[in-house]
Amino acid sequence: MRHFLEVDDLSEVELRDVLDLSDPARAEPVLAGRGVALIFEKPSNRTRNSTEMAVVGLGGHPVTIRGEEIGLGERETVEDVTRALACYHAMIGARVFEHDKLEAMAKVDEVPIVNLLSDLSHPLQAVADLLTLKQRWGGLAGHSVAWIGDASNVARSLTLASSLCGVDVRLACPPGHELEPPVLDQARSRGIEVVVTPDPEEAAAGADAVCTDVWVSMGQEAEAAARQDAFGAYRVTAELMSRAAPGALFLHCLPAHRGLEVDTEVLDGPASVVWQEAENRMHAARGLLLWLAGQR
């Protein structure tokens, strides 16, 4: 049984296979007559729509379940919820607050478990990001991405995904909001260059892509004022983009807070590929589900 809790649950070869299977033309009906349970403790726009349509594209039936309907670990144990859903569904996707709930689901080992987002990681977003860059660049190895802002779950997964594909990473994060050293060491162990700096201009200089995320994620609302103070110098502006390589791309997992982590002229500008990136959430999910269904 294979699960997908973090992007490097896949090997380098397996990630390349998933990217190939994420081609928009691929839509084999491998889930015909089968269900996929999609648990959402956290609300979502892109994740719910993209994953539901990915299941539909493979001939399956998505069943979206809100967190309060099952009460993971409260109304019923995580393990028992997983066992029950495995009676009806071929796979389970879950968007949760705590990553350890996904780990508990995977230990049941009845059906593949897919991380649709946790406090630790967002691996399907990373696959969609790499798919977008691959479509634009034609290949991935030898390129570089700059991450500006919070070392969020998205930053963690993108760093690990990049390390599997030969993409160098530059991380510009304010003090106290950096990526944890074990993740940096893990990425470097695969042979890529990982630069860590508090200076956004240093990170962006010559980068082939510039990426960011919101400064305040769901569950961090009480920290909003402090975070906005800490991240004020980490806005992606047209001036910052001008320091990147010619033709550099701008990525954002969305939703974006215009005028905070990114200026509107960048988000809506010619460098932005955020809508292609959003569409690729669906293609990446379909490619992963194809792979988990045995299309390797």
Protein backbone atom coordinates (compact mmCIF):
# COMPACT_ATOMS: atom_id res chain seq x y z
CA MET A 1 0.00 0.00 0.00
CA ARG A 2 1.39 3.41 -0.98
CA HIS A 3 0.36 6.68 0.67
CA PHE A 4 1.13 10.30 -0.20
CA LEU A 5 1.65 12.33 2.96
CA GLU A 6 4.67 14.32 1.76
CA VAL A 7 6.05 14.76 -1.72
CA ASP A 8 9.21 12.77 -1.01
CA ASP A 9 7.15 9.72 -0.18
CA LEU A 10 7.86 9.38 -3.90
CA SER A 11 11.30 8.69 -5.30
CA GLU A 12 12.80 10.90 -8.00
CA VAL A 13 11.65 8.45 -10.67
CA GLU A 14 8.18 8.12 -9.16
CA LEU A 15 7.70 11.89 -9.01
CA ARG A 16 8.65 12.15 -12.68
CA ASP A 17 6.09 9.42 -13.43
CA VAL A 18 3.39 11.37 -11.55
CA LEU A 19 4.25 14.52 -13.50
CA ASP A 20 3.99 12.57 -16.75
CA LEU A 21 0.64 11.11 -15.67
CA SER A 22 -0.55 14.65 -14.89
CA ASP A 23 -0.64 15.50 -18.59
CA PRO A 24 -4.05 17.12 -19.20
CA ALA A 25 -4.73 14.54 -21.92
CA ARG A 26 -4.57 11.63 -19.44
CA ALA A 27 -7.98 10.57 -18.13
CA GLU A 28 -8.14 6.76 -17.90
CA PRO A 29 -11.32 5.54 -16.11
CA VAL A 30 -9.38 3.64 -13.44
CA LEU A 31 -11.87 4.65 -10.73
CA ALA A 32 -15.03 3.76 -12.67
CA GLY A 33 -17.70 2.62 -10.23
CA ARG A 34 -15.52 3.47 -7.22
CA GLY A 35 -15.62 6.22 -4.62
CA VAL A 36 -12.96 8.51 -3.19
CA ALA A 37 -13.61 10.04 0.24
CA LEU A 38 -12.40 13.63 0.61
CA ILE A 39 -12.28 14.87 4.22
CA PHE A 40 -12.09 18.63 4.81
CA GLU A 41 -11.36 19.79 8.36
CA LYS A 42 -10.21 23.05 6.74
CA PRO A 43 -12.41 24.75 4.13
CA SER A 44 -11.09 25.00 0.60
CA ASN A 45 -11.78 26.40 -2.84
CA ARG A 46 -9.05 25.05 -5.11
CA THR A 47 -8.38 21.82 -3.24
CA ARG A 48 -12.00 20.72 -3.12
CA ASN A 49 -12.85 21.63 -6.70
CA SER A 50 -9.61 20.34 -8.22
CA THR A 51 -9.66 17.04 -6.34
CA GLU A 52 -13.33 16.35 -6.94
CA MET A 53 -12.90 16.96 -10.67
CA ALA A 54 -9.75 14.82 -10.73
CA VAL A 55 -11.77 11.91 -9.34
CA VAL A 56 -14.56 12.56 -11.85
CA GLY A 57 -11.99 12.66 -14.66
CA LEU A 58 -10.93 9.14 -13.72
CA GLY A 59 -14.52 7.88 -13.73
CA GLY A 60 -14.88 7.82 -9.94
CA HIS A 61 -17.36 9.33 -7.50
CA PRO A 62 -15.97 11.91 -5.05
CA VAL A 63 -17.68 12.14 -1.65
CA THR A 64 -16.71 15.31 0.19
CA ILE A 65 -17.06 15.15 3.97
CA ARG A 66 -16.76 18.13 6.31
CA GLY A 67 -14.68 17.71 9.42
CA GLU A 68 -17.60 18.23 11.80
CA GLU A 69 -19.53 15.42 10.12
CA ILE A 70 -17.08 12.78 11.33
CA GLY A 71 -15.09 14.48 14.11
CA LEU A 72 -11.69 12.90 13.48
CA GLY A 73 -10.29 11.86 16.85
CA GLU A 74 -13.27 13.28 18.74
CA ARG A 75 -16.56 11.64 17.76
CA GLU A 76 -14.64 8.59 16.62
CA THR A 77 -10.98 7.62 16.52
CA VAL A 78 -9.03 8.51 13.40
CA GLU A 79 -8.35 4.83 12.85
CA ASP A 80 -12.00 3.83 13.08
CA VAL A 81 -13.08 6.60 10.69
CA THR A 82 -10.45 5.35 8.25
CA ARG A 83 -11.55 1.72 8.52
CA ALA A 84 -15.18 2.67 7.95
CA LEU A 85 -14.46 4.82 4.90
CA ALA A 86 -12.23 2.08 3.47
CA CYS A 87 -15.34 -0.12 3.32
CA TYR A 88 -16.81 2.18 0.69
CA HIS A 89 -13.94 3.95 -1.06
CA ALA A 90 -10.88 3.13 -3.14
CA MET A 91 -8.85 6.01 -1.64
CA ILE A 92 -9.12 8.70 1.04
CA GLY A 93 -7.90 12.29 0.76
CA ALA A 94 -7.82 14.51 3.83
CA ARG A 95 -7.23 18.22 4.45
CA VAL A 96 -6.47 18.43 8.15
CA PHE A 97 -5.08 20.71 10.82
CA GLU A 98 -2.68 18.20 12.39
CA HIS A 99 -0.38 16.09 10.23
CA ASP A 100 -0.38 13.25 12.75
CA LYS A 101 -3.99 12.49 11.81
CA LEU A 102 -2.80 11.63 8.31
CA GLU A 103 -0.08 9.42 9.76
CA ALA A 104 -2.67 7.61 11.89
CA MET A 105 -4.85 7.07 8.81
CA ALA A 106 -1.92 5.68 6.83
CA LYS A 107 -1.03 3.22 9.60
CA VAL A 108 -4.44 1.56 9.14
CA ASP A 109 -3.10 0.67 5.67
CA GLU A 110 -6.47 -0.26 4.15
CA VAL A 111 -6.54 2.18 1.20
CA PRO A 112 -4.15 4.86 -0.10
CA ILE A 113 -4.22 8.07 1.98
CA VAL A 114 -3.56 11.39 0.20
CA ASN A 115 -2.54 14.56 2.02
CA LEU A 116 -4.69 17.42 0.72
CA LEU A 117 -2.97 19.79 3.20
CA SER A 118 -1.77 19.62 6.77
CA ASP A 119 0.03 21.95 9.16
CA LEU A 120 3.28 20.30 8.07
CA SER A 121 3.02 19.96 4.29
CA HIS A 122 1.07 20.52 1.08
CA PRO A 123 2.51 17.98 -1.36
CA LEU A 124 -0.14 18.15 -4.09
CA GLN A 125 0.47 21.89 -4.35
CA ALA A 126 4.16 21.17 -4.88
CA VAL A 127 3.36 18.70 -7.66
CA ALA A 128 1.13 21.30 -9.33
CA ASP A 129 3.89 23.90 -9.03
CA LEU A 130 6.48 21.62 -10.64
CA LEU A 131 4.00 20.66 -13.35
CA THR A 132 3.48 24.36 -14.12
CA LEU A 133 7.21 25.04 -14.27
CA LYS A 134 7.81 21.96 -16.42
CA GLN A 135 5.14 23.11 -18.88
CA ARG A 136 6.73 26.56 -19.11
CA TRP A 137 10.37 25.54 -19.11
CA GLY A 138 10.19 22.22 -20.93
CA GLY A 139 12.25 20.63 -18.15
CA LEU A 140 13.15 21.21 -14.52
CA ALA A 141 16.75 20.25 -13.75
CA GLY A 142 19.20 23.13 -13.70
CA HIS A 143 16.61 25.82 -12.92
CA SER A 144 16.14 27.73 -9.67
CA VAL A 145 13.21 28.95 -7.60
CA ALA A 146 13.18 31.68 -4.98
CA TRP A 147 10.78 31.48 -2.06
CA ILE A 148 9.94 34.82 -0.44
CA GLY A 149 8.19 35.04 2.93
CA ASP A 150 6.97 32.47 5.43
CA ALA A 151 8.55 29.02 5.40
CA SER A 152 5.08 27.53 5.33
CA ASN A 153 3.86 24.00 4.65
CA VAL A 154 3.86 24.97 0.96
CA ALA A 155 7.49 26.11 1.14
CA ARG A 156 8.49 22.86 2.84
CA SER A 157 6.87 20.66 0.21
CA LEU A 158 8.14 22.77 -2.69
CA THR A 159 11.70 22.61 -1.34
CA LEU A 160 11.57 18.82 -1.07
CA ALA A 161 9.89 18.46 -4.47
CA SER A 162 12.50 20.72 -6.08
CA SER A 163 15.29 18.63 -4.58
CA LEU A 164 13.85 15.54 -6.27
CA CYS A 165 13.89 17.28 -9.67
CA GLY A 166 17.27 19.02 -9.64
CA VAL A 167 15.85 22.50 -9.04
CA ASP A 168 17.93 24.83 -6.82
CA VAL A 169 16.10 26.68 -4.05
CA ARG A 170 16.70 30.10 -2.47
CA LEU A 171 14.68 30.83 0.68
CA ALA A 172 14.26 34.38 1.99
CA CYS A 173 12.39 34.27 5.29
CA PRO A 174 12.38 36.65 8.27
CA PRO A 175 14.16 35.52 11.44
CA GLY A 176 12.05 33.06 13.37
CA HIS A 177 10.10 31.97 10.31
CA GLU A 178 12.73 29.88 8.49
CA LEU A 179 12.47 26.31 7.26
CA GLU A 180 13.68 23.78 9.83
CA PRO A 181 17.31 22.59 9.36
CA PRO A 182 16.47 18.87 8.86
CA VAL A 183 14.39 19.74 5.78
CA LEU A 184 17.22 21.88 4.39
CA ASP A 185 19.70 19.06 5.00
CA GLN A 186 17.39 16.56 3.34
CA ALA A 187 17.07 18.76 0.26
CA ARG A 188 20.82 19.39 0.05
CA SER A 189 21.53 15.65 0.37
CA ARG A 190 19.98 15.21 -3.09
CA GLY A 191 22.57 17.47 -4.68
CA ILE A 192 20.73 20.76 -5.19
CA GLU A 193 21.90 24.14 -3.96
CA VAL A 194 19.82 25.51 -1.08
CA VAL A 195 20.47 29.15 -0.17
CA VAL A 196 18.97 30.55 3.03
CA THR A 197 18.98 34.31 3.50
CA PRO A 198 16.96 37.00 5.28
CA ASP A 199 17.33 39.20 2.16
CA PRO A 200 14.55 38.87 -0.48
CA GLU A 201 16.65 40.63 -3.10
CA GLU A 202 19.50 38.15 -2.66
CA ALA A 203 17.11 35.23 -3.00
CA ALA A 204 15.38 36.64 -6.09
CA ALA A 205 18.57 37.65 -7.91
CA GLY A 206 18.81 35.58 -11.08
CA ALA A 207 16.08 33.11 -10.03
CA ASP A 208 14.00 31.48 -12.77
CA ALA A 209 10.85 31.60 -10.64
CA VAL A 210 9.70 33.55 -7.60
CA CYS A 211 7.16 31.98 -5.24
CA THR A 212 5.29 33.17 -2.18
CA ASP A 213 2.36 32.38 0.09
CA VAL A 214 0.07 34.26 2.46
CA TRP A 215 1.61 35.63 5.63
CA VAL A 216 -1.25 34.42 7.84
CA SER A 217 -2.61 30.93 7.22
CA MET A 218 -5.79 29.39 8.61
CA GLY A 219 -5.33 28.84 12.33
CA GLN A 220 -2.84 31.73 12.68
CA GLU A 221 -5.37 34.56 12.83
CA ALA A 222 -4.35 35.53 16.37
CA GLU A 223 -0.83 36.20 15.07
CA ALA A 224 -1.95 38.39 12.16
CA ALA A 225 -0.66 41.76 13.42
CA ALA A 226 2.72 40.37 14.52
CA ARG A 227 3.13 38.48 11.27
CA GLN A 228 2.35 41.49 9.10
CA ASP A 229 5.02 43.44 11.00
CA ALA A 230 7.57 40.64 10.58
CA PHE A 231 6.88 40.13 6.87
CA GLY A 232 6.56 43.75 5.74
CA ALA A 233 9.85 43.66 3.81
CA TYR A 234 8.95 40.38 2.08
CA ARG A 235 6.31 41.59 -0.36
CA VAL A 236 6.83 40.47 -3.95
CA THR A 237 6.86 43.68 -5.98
CA ALA A 238 7.62 44.50 -9.59
CA GLU A 239 11.00 45.80 -8.44
CA LEU A 240 11.79 42.50 -6.72
CA MET A 241 10.72 40.55 -9.81
CA SER A 242 13.05 42.71 -11.91
CA ARG A 243 15.97 41.22 -10.00
CA ALA A 244 15.05 37.71 -11.09
CA ALA A 245 16.23 36.17 -14.35
CA PRO A 246 14.78 37.50 -17.62
CA GLY A 247 11.46 35.78 -18.23
CA ALA A 248 11.18 34.66 -14.60
CA LEU A 249 7.80 33.32 -13.53
CA PHE A 250 5.71 34.22 -10.48
CA LEU A 251 3.85 31.52 -8.54
CA HIS A 252 1.39 31.70 -5.65
CA CYS A 253 -0.71 28.82 -4.30
CA LEU A 254 -3.66 31.19 -3.68
CA PRO A 255 -5.70 32.71 -2.16
CA ALA A 256 -3.58 35.84 -2.47
CA HIS A 257 -3.84 38.92 -0.30
CA ARG A 258 -3.15 41.68 -2.80
CA GLY A 259 -0.95 44.41 -1.39
CA LEU A 260 0.42 42.20 1.37
CA GLU A 261 2.60 39.29 0.22
CA VAL A 262 2.28 40.32 -3.45
CA ASP A 263 1.40 43.47 -5.37
CA THR A 264 -1.51 43.36 -7.78
CA GLU A 265 0.71 44.37 -10.71
CA VAL A 266 2.77 41.21 -10.15
CA LEU A 267 -0.19 38.90 -9.55
CA ASP A 268 -1.92 40.14 -12.71
CA GLY A 269 1.27 40.80 -14.65
CA PRO A 270 2.96 38.91 -17.51
CA ALA A 271 5.24 36.92 -15.20
CA SER A 272 2.32 35.45 -13.27
CA VAL A 273 1.31 31.83 -13.92
CA VAL A 274 -1.00 31.56 -10.92
CA TRP A 275 -4.10 30.56 -12.91
CA GLN A 276 -2.23 27.90 -14.86
CA GLU A 277 -0.88 26.77 -11.49
CA ALA A 278 -4.44 26.65 -10.08
CA GLU A 279 -5.68 24.56 -13.01
CA ASN A 280 -2.74 22.24 -12.56
CA ARG A 281 -3.96 21.40 -9.06
CA MET A 282 -6.61 19.30 -10.85
CA HIS A 283 -4.17 17.71 -13.29
CA ALA A 284 -1.64 16.98 -10.52
CA ALA A 285 -4.32 15.33 -8.39
CA ARG A 286 -5.45 13.22 -11.33
CA GLY A 287 -1.87 12.18 -12.10
CA LEU A 288 -1.25 11.17 -8.50
CA LEU A 289 -4.49 9.19 -8.28
CA LEU A 290 -3.60 7.44 -11.55
CA TRP A 291 -0.23 6.54 -10.08
CA LEU A 292 -1.76 5.28 -6.83
CA ALA A 293 -4.21 3.21 -8.87
CA GLY A 294 -1.28 1.38 -10.42
CA GLN A 295 -0.77 3.29 -13.70
CA ARG A 296 3.04 3.37 -13.39
